[in-house]
Amino acid sequence: MENDTDVVVPVDVREMSIFESDIGEIHVIHEITLGDLMVSTALVAMIVFMLIARVSRRD
């Protein structure tokens, strides 16, 4: 079924997963933005600092 609102994005095939179903194909593009990287880094840093603070208070 062809649709006039199809969006074509130049994406490397290695960065895309294709799931086939009875209705059609689902294309999932894997990408990470700078914001995603900053948020995940901040969360990991917070967890590490919380663990260090908890371990240092046990003495």
N, C-alpha and C. Protein backbone atom coordinates (compact mmCIF):
# COMPACT_ATOMS: atom_id res chain seq x y z
N MET A 1 0.84 -1.17 0.00
CA MET A 1 0.00 0.00 0.00
C MET A 1 0.88 1.24 0.00
N GLU A 2 0.91 1.99 -1.07
CA GLU A 2 1.73 3.19 -1.21
C GLU A 2 1.02 4.39 -0.62
N ASN A 3 1.74 5.20 0.11
CA ASN A 3 1.17 6.37 0.76
C ASN A 3 1.96 7.60 0.32
N ASP A 4 1.27 8.70 0.07
CA ASP A 4 1.95 9.91 -0.39
C ASP A 4 2.70 10.62 0.73
N THR A 5 2.45 10.26 1.97
CA THR A 5 3.11 10.92 3.10
C THR A 5 4.33 10.15 3.59
N ASP A 6 4.85 9.21 2.81
CA ASP A 6 6.04 8.48 3.21
C ASP A 6 7.22 9.43 3.30
N VAL A 7 8.03 9.27 4.35
CA VAL A 7 9.19 10.11 4.56
C VAL A 7 10.42 9.27 4.29
N VAL A 8 11.30 9.78 3.45
CA VAL A 8 12.53 9.07 3.13
C VAL A 8 13.68 9.81 3.79
N VAL A 9 14.40 9.09 4.67
CA VAL A 9 15.52 9.67 5.39
C VAL A 9 16.77 8.89 5.02
N PRO A 10 17.83 9.59 4.64
CA PRO A 10 19.06 8.87 4.31
C PRO A 10 19.73 8.31 5.57
N VAL A 11 19.55 7.03 5.83
CA VAL A 11 20.09 6.37 7.01
C VAL A 11 20.88 5.15 6.56
N ASP A 12 22.02 4.95 7.21
CA ASP A 12 22.82 3.76 6.93
C ASP A 12 22.02 2.54 7.35
N VAL A 13 22.02 1.50 6.53
CA VAL A 13 21.22 0.30 6.78
C VAL A 13 21.65 -0.39 8.07
N ARG A 14 22.92 -0.26 8.46
CA ARG A 14 23.40 -0.88 9.69
C ARG A 14 22.79 -0.25 10.92
N GLU A 15 22.25 0.97 10.81
CA GLU A 15 21.65 1.67 11.95
C GLU A 15 20.14 1.50 11.99
N MET A 16 19.62 0.54 11.24
CA MET A 16 18.17 0.37 11.15
C MET A 16 17.79 -1.09 11.35
N SER A 17 16.71 -1.32 12.12
CA SER A 17 16.15 -2.66 12.27
C SER A 17 14.82 -2.70 11.54
N ILE A 18 14.57 -3.80 10.85
CA ILE A 18 13.32 -3.94 10.11
C ILE A 18 12.55 -5.11 10.69
N PHE A 19 11.34 -4.83 11.16
CA PHE A 19 10.45 -5.85 11.69
C PHE A 19 9.32 -6.06 10.69
N GLU A 20 9.14 -7.30 10.26
CA GLU A 20 8.09 -7.60 9.30
C GLU A 20 6.88 -8.16 10.02
N SER A 21 5.70 -7.70 9.61
CA SER A 21 4.45 -8.19 10.19
C SER A 21 3.47 -8.45 9.05
N ASP A 22 2.27 -8.89 9.40
CA ASP A 22 1.26 -9.16 8.37
C ASP A 22 0.82 -7.88 7.68
N ILE A 23 0.85 -6.76 8.41
CA ILE A 23 0.40 -5.49 7.85
C ILE A 23 1.46 -4.86 6.95
N GLY A 24 2.72 -5.00 7.33
CA GLY A 24 3.81 -4.40 6.55
C GLY A 24 5.11 -4.46 7.33
N GLU A 25 6.02 -3.54 7.02
CA GLU A 25 7.31 -3.50 7.66
C GLU A 25 7.40 -2.30 8.59
N ILE A 26 8.09 -2.49 9.71
CA ILE A 26 8.36 -1.41 10.65
C ILE A 26 9.86 -1.17 10.64
N HIS A 27 10.26 0.04 10.30
CA HIS A 27 11.67 0.40 10.26
C HIS A 27 11.99 1.22 11.51
N VAL A 28 12.93 0.73 12.33
CA VAL A 28 13.34 1.42 13.54
C VAL A 28 14.76 1.92 13.33
N ILE A 29 14.94 3.24 13.44
CA ILE A 29 16.25 3.85 13.26
C ILE A 29 16.91 3.99 14.63
N HIS A 30 18.13 3.47 14.77
CA HIS A 30 18.88 3.53 16.02
C HIS A 30 19.83 4.73 15.96
N GLU A 31 19.61 5.68 16.83
CA GLU A 31 20.51 6.81 16.88
C GLU A 31 20.52 7.36 18.30
N ILE A 32 21.60 8.02 18.66
CA ILE A 32 21.71 8.63 19.98
C ILE A 32 22.11 10.08 19.75
N THR A 33 21.47 10.97 20.49
CA THR A 33 21.76 12.39 20.34
C THR A 33 22.69 12.84 21.47
N LEU A 34 23.19 14.05 21.36
CA LEU A 34 24.06 14.59 22.38
C LEU A 34 23.31 14.72 23.70
N GLY A 35 22.05 15.08 23.66
CA GLY A 35 21.24 15.19 24.87
C GLY A 35 21.08 13.85 25.55
N ASP A 36 20.83 12.79 24.77
CA ASP A 36 20.73 11.44 25.34
C ASP A 36 22.04 11.05 26.04
N LEU A 37 23.15 11.37 25.41
CA LEU A 37 24.45 11.04 25.98
C LEU A 37 24.70 11.82 27.27
N MET A 38 24.34 13.09 27.30
CA MET A 38 24.54 13.91 28.49
C MET A 38 23.67 13.44 29.65
N VAL A 39 22.41 13.10 29.39
CA VAL A 39 21.50 12.65 30.44
C VAL A 39 21.96 11.32 31.01
N SER A 40 22.33 10.38 30.14
CA SER A 40 22.77 9.07 30.64
C SER A 40 24.07 9.19 31.42
N THR A 41 24.99 10.06 30.99
CA THR A 41 26.23 10.27 31.72
C THR A 41 25.96 10.89 33.09
N ALA A 42 25.04 11.86 33.15
CA ALA A 42 24.71 12.50 34.42
C ALA A 42 24.07 11.49 35.38
N LEU A 43 23.19 10.64 34.88
CA LEU A 43 22.57 9.63 35.74
C LEU A 43 23.58 8.64 36.30
N VAL A 44 24.47 8.18 35.46
CA VAL A 44 25.51 7.25 35.93
C VAL A 44 26.41 7.93 36.94
N ALA A 45 26.78 9.19 36.70
CA ALA A 45 27.64 9.91 37.65
C ALA A 45 26.93 10.08 38.99
N MET A 46 25.63 10.40 38.98
CA MET A 46 24.88 10.55 40.23
C MET A 46 24.84 9.24 41.00
N ILE A 47 24.62 8.14 40.32
CA ILE A 47 24.57 6.84 40.99
C ILE A 47 25.93 6.50 41.60
N VAL A 48 27.01 6.75 40.86
CA VAL A 48 28.36 6.46 41.37
C VAL A 48 28.65 7.32 42.60
N PHE A 49 28.33 8.62 42.54
CA PHE A 49 28.60 9.49 43.68
C PHE A 49 27.74 9.11 44.89
N MET A 50 26.51 8.69 44.66
CA MET A 50 25.67 8.26 45.77
C MET A 50 26.24 7.00 46.43
N LEU A 51 26.73 6.07 45.64
CA LEU A 51 27.34 4.86 46.19
C LEU A 51 28.61 5.18 46.96
N ILE A 52 29.45 6.09 46.43
CA ILE A 52 30.67 6.46 47.12
C ILE A 52 30.33 7.14 48.45
N ALA A 53 29.34 8.02 48.45
CA ALA A 53 28.96 8.71 49.68
C ALA A 53 28.43 7.73 50.71
N ARG A 54 27.66 6.76 50.29
CA ARG A 54 27.10 5.78 51.22
C ARG A 54 28.19 4.88 51.80
N VAL A 55 29.14 4.47 50.97
CA VAL A 55 30.23 3.62 51.44
C VAL A 55 31.14 4.39 52.38
N SER A 56 31.42 5.66 52.10
CA SER A 56 32.33 6.43 52.94
C SER A 56 31.69 6.77 54.30
N ARG A 57 30.37 6.80 54.41
CA ARG A 57 29.68 7.09 55.68
C ARG A 57 29.63 5.89 56.60
N ARG A 58 29.90 4.70 56.11
CA ARG A 58 29.79 3.49 56.94
C ARG A 58 30.89 3.39 57.98
N ASP A 59 31.98 4.09 57.81
CA ASP A 59 33.12 3.98 58.76
C ASP A 59 32.84 4.62 60.06
